[in-house]
Every structure is written in structure tokens, then in C-alpha cells.
Amino acid sequence: MNRLLENLSPSRLIRRFKEKDESYTIKFQMPGLSKDDVRITVEDGMLFIRGEHKDEEEGSDDDEFWSAATYGYYSTSLMLPEDVKVEEIKAEMKDGVLHVVIPKDETKKKQIKEVHVG
């Protein structure tokens, strides 16, 4: 679990991370972004989350022409623990919050063996 949290400071994780027996759940606040603005990939044990939003508006009033543009970019990456099912990671965007569920793989659960000191 610590490897999952390496890139996030404790203050940024408040109400964002939950660990259950069967999965990890992470929530990311992404106001203004839709599910089409977000891209999630997994590569070499890393989960990458990127979001980008562009909005341009133009208009004219009488003899005046005006334009406005906004741009927002979000990017984060997390090192995944070894006990996850990468192929079953799911994500859902709802009301500006991205919910990522990372299922655990019980067959990869850490085995702890105590070694006798002689």
C-alpha cells in the first residue's frame, strides 16, 4: 500500500484513498472535466491519470469582435502495489470527481514468513 501512496502527500489524500479487503479506491477532484477529457493508462506498474480541457468562445456585438479561451490540465501518476489486478481497474467520472477502483489479486498477496534467529 505504501508504494501506492508514494507520490501523494498525506494532506492531499484526505478522503481520497480507501483500502478494502478486495480493492483500493481513489477519488480525484477534477472540476470542469468530463469523462471524455480524462485519459487513464497503466504502464510498467504505474497508473497515469491525465485530464485536459479546452474551451474557446467567440462572438461579436455590433462592431466589436471578442473571444475567450480557458485551458486546464491535470496529471498525476501512482506506483501500483504488486497485489493488483491491472486488467480489472475501473474508473468513473461523476460530478467532477474521478473514482478509480483498483481490485486486489488475492493470489499475489504478500506472504510473510518469520525467520527463526538461532
Protein backbone atom coordinates (compact mmCIF):
# COMPACT_ATOMS: atom_id res chain seq x y z
CA MET A 1 0.00 0.00 0.00
CA ASN A 2 2.84 2.43 0.75
CA ARG A 3 4.01 2.23 -2.85
CA LEU A 4 0.56 3.37 -3.98
CA LEU A 5 0.87 6.45 -1.81
CA GLU A 6 4.47 7.42 -2.58
CA ASN A 7 3.58 10.28 -4.92
CA LEU A 8 0.87 11.85 -2.76
CA SER A 9 1.41 13.82 0.40
CA PRO A 10 -0.80 12.90 3.38
CA SER A 11 -2.61 16.24 3.23
CA ARG A 12 -3.66 15.57 -0.37
CA LEU A 13 -5.03 12.12 0.48
CA ILE A 14 -7.66 13.20 2.97
CA ARG A 15 -10.91 11.49 1.97
CA ARG A 16 -9.33 10.40 -1.27
CA PHE A 17 -7.97 6.94 -0.55
CA LYS A 18 -9.64 3.84 0.87
CA GLU A 19 -8.32 0.33 1.18
CA LYS A 20 -10.71 -2.59 1.46
CA ASP A 21 -10.00 -6.30 1.55
CA GLU A 22 -10.84 -6.63 -2.15
CA SER A 23 -9.69 -3.30 -3.62
CA TYR A 24 -8.13 0.14 -3.35
CA THR A 25 -10.34 3.14 -4.16
CA ILE A 26 -9.03 6.59 -5.00
CA LYS A 27 -11.01 9.77 -5.66
CA PHE A 28 -9.63 12.72 -7.61
CA GLN A 29 -11.32 16.12 -7.69
CA MET A 30 -11.37 17.22 -11.34
CA PRO A 31 -13.88 20.06 -11.60
CA GLY A 32 -14.76 21.15 -15.11
CA LEU A 33 -13.55 17.92 -16.72
CA SER A 34 -15.81 15.32 -18.30
CA LYS A 35 -15.06 11.64 -18.82
CA ASP A 36 -14.04 12.49 -22.39
CA ASP A 37 -11.38 14.89 -21.06
CA VAL A 38 -9.67 12.21 -18.93
CA ARG A 39 -7.20 9.54 -20.05
CA ILE A 40 -6.04 6.74 -17.73
CA THR A 41 -3.24 4.34 -18.64
CA VAL A 42 -1.16 1.70 -16.85
CA GLU A 43 2.44 1.18 -17.88
CA ASP A 44 5.23 -0.71 -16.13
CA GLY A 45 3.40 -0.83 -12.79
CA MET A 46 2.45 2.86 -12.88
CA LEU A 47 -1.07 4.31 -13.10
CA PHE A 48 -1.15 7.55 -15.10
CA ILE A 49 -4.12 9.91 -14.94
CA ARG A 50 -4.25 12.89 -17.26
CA GLY A 51 -7.00 15.38 -17.90
CA GLU A 52 -7.17 18.26 -20.32
CA HIS A 53 -9.94 20.74 -21.03
CA LYS A 54 -10.01 23.47 -23.65
CA ASP A 55 -12.87 25.87 -24.13
CA GLU A 56 -12.98 28.64 -26.69
CA GLU A 57 -15.77 31.08 -27.30
CA GLU A 58 -16.08 33.82 -29.88
CA GLY A 59 -18.73 36.39 -30.58
CA SER A 60 -19.47 39.83 -31.83
CA ASP A 61 -21.57 42.70 -30.63
CA ASP A 62 -22.28 45.41 -33.19
CA ASP A 63 -18.84 46.37 -34.50
CA GLU A 64 -16.84 44.61 -31.78
CA PHE A 65 -15.40 41.12 -32.00
CA TRP A 66 -14.46 39.23 -28.85
CA SER A 67 -13.04 35.83 -27.95
CA ALA A 68 -12.36 33.97 -24.72
CA ALA A 69 -10.41 30.83 -24.04
CA THR A 70 -9.83 28.66 -20.99
CA TYR A 71 -7.44 25.77 -20.59
CA GLY A 72 -6.93 23.30 -17.77
CA TYR A 73 -4.50 20.39 -17.40
CA TYR A 74 -4.26 17.69 -14.71
CA SER A 75 -1.62 14.99 -14.49
CA THR A 76 -0.63 12.55 -11.76
CA SER A 77 0.95 9.13 -11.55
CA LEU A 78 0.95 6.45 -8.88
CA MET A 79 3.12 3.39 -8.46
CA LEU A 80 0.75 0.45 -8.13
CA PRO A 81 1.27 -2.19 -5.43
CA GLU A 82 2.21 -5.67 -6.59
CA ASP A 83 -1.10 -7.18 -5.44
CA VAL A 84 -3.41 -5.53 -8.01
CA LYS A 85 -5.36 -6.86 -10.99
CA VAL A 86 -4.26 -4.34 -13.61
CA GLU A 87 -6.65 -5.68 -16.26
CA GLU A 88 -9.67 -5.05 -13.97
CA ILE A 89 -9.03 -1.42 -12.97
CA LYS A 90 -12.19 0.64 -13.44
CA ALA A 91 -12.87 4.36 -13.40
CA GLU A 92 -15.97 6.54 -13.36
CA MET A 93 -16.37 10.31 -13.58
CA LYS A 94 -19.30 11.78 -11.65
CA ASP A 95 -19.94 15.42 -10.77
CA GLY A 96 -16.32 16.45 -11.32
CA VAL A 97 -14.91 13.61 -9.21
CA LEU A 98 -12.99 10.72 -10.76
CA HIS A 99 -13.45 7.42 -8.88
CA VAL A 100 -10.78 4.79 -9.58
CA VAL A 101 -11.24 1.24 -8.25
CA ILE A 102 -8.14 -0.96 -8.28
CA PRO A 103 -9.01 -4.60 -7.46
CA LYS A 104 -6.58 -6.68 -5.44
CA ASP A 105 -5.30 -10.02 -6.68
CA GLU A 106 -5.52 -12.48 -3.79
CA THR A 107 -3.03 -14.84 -5.47
CA LYS A 108 -0.35 -12.14 -5.29
CA LYS A 109 -0.94 -11.35 -1.64
CA LYS A 110 2.25 -10.83 0.30
CA GLN A 111 3.37 -13.85 2.24
CA ILE A 112 5.12 -13.05 5.46
CA LYS A 113 7.35 -15.70 6.97
CA GLU A 114 9.05 -15.27 10.27
CA VAL A 115 12.67 -16.40 10.27
CA HIS A 116 13.96 -18.06 13.41
CA VAL A 117 17.10 -16.45 14.80
CA GLY A 118 19.44 -19.08 16.13
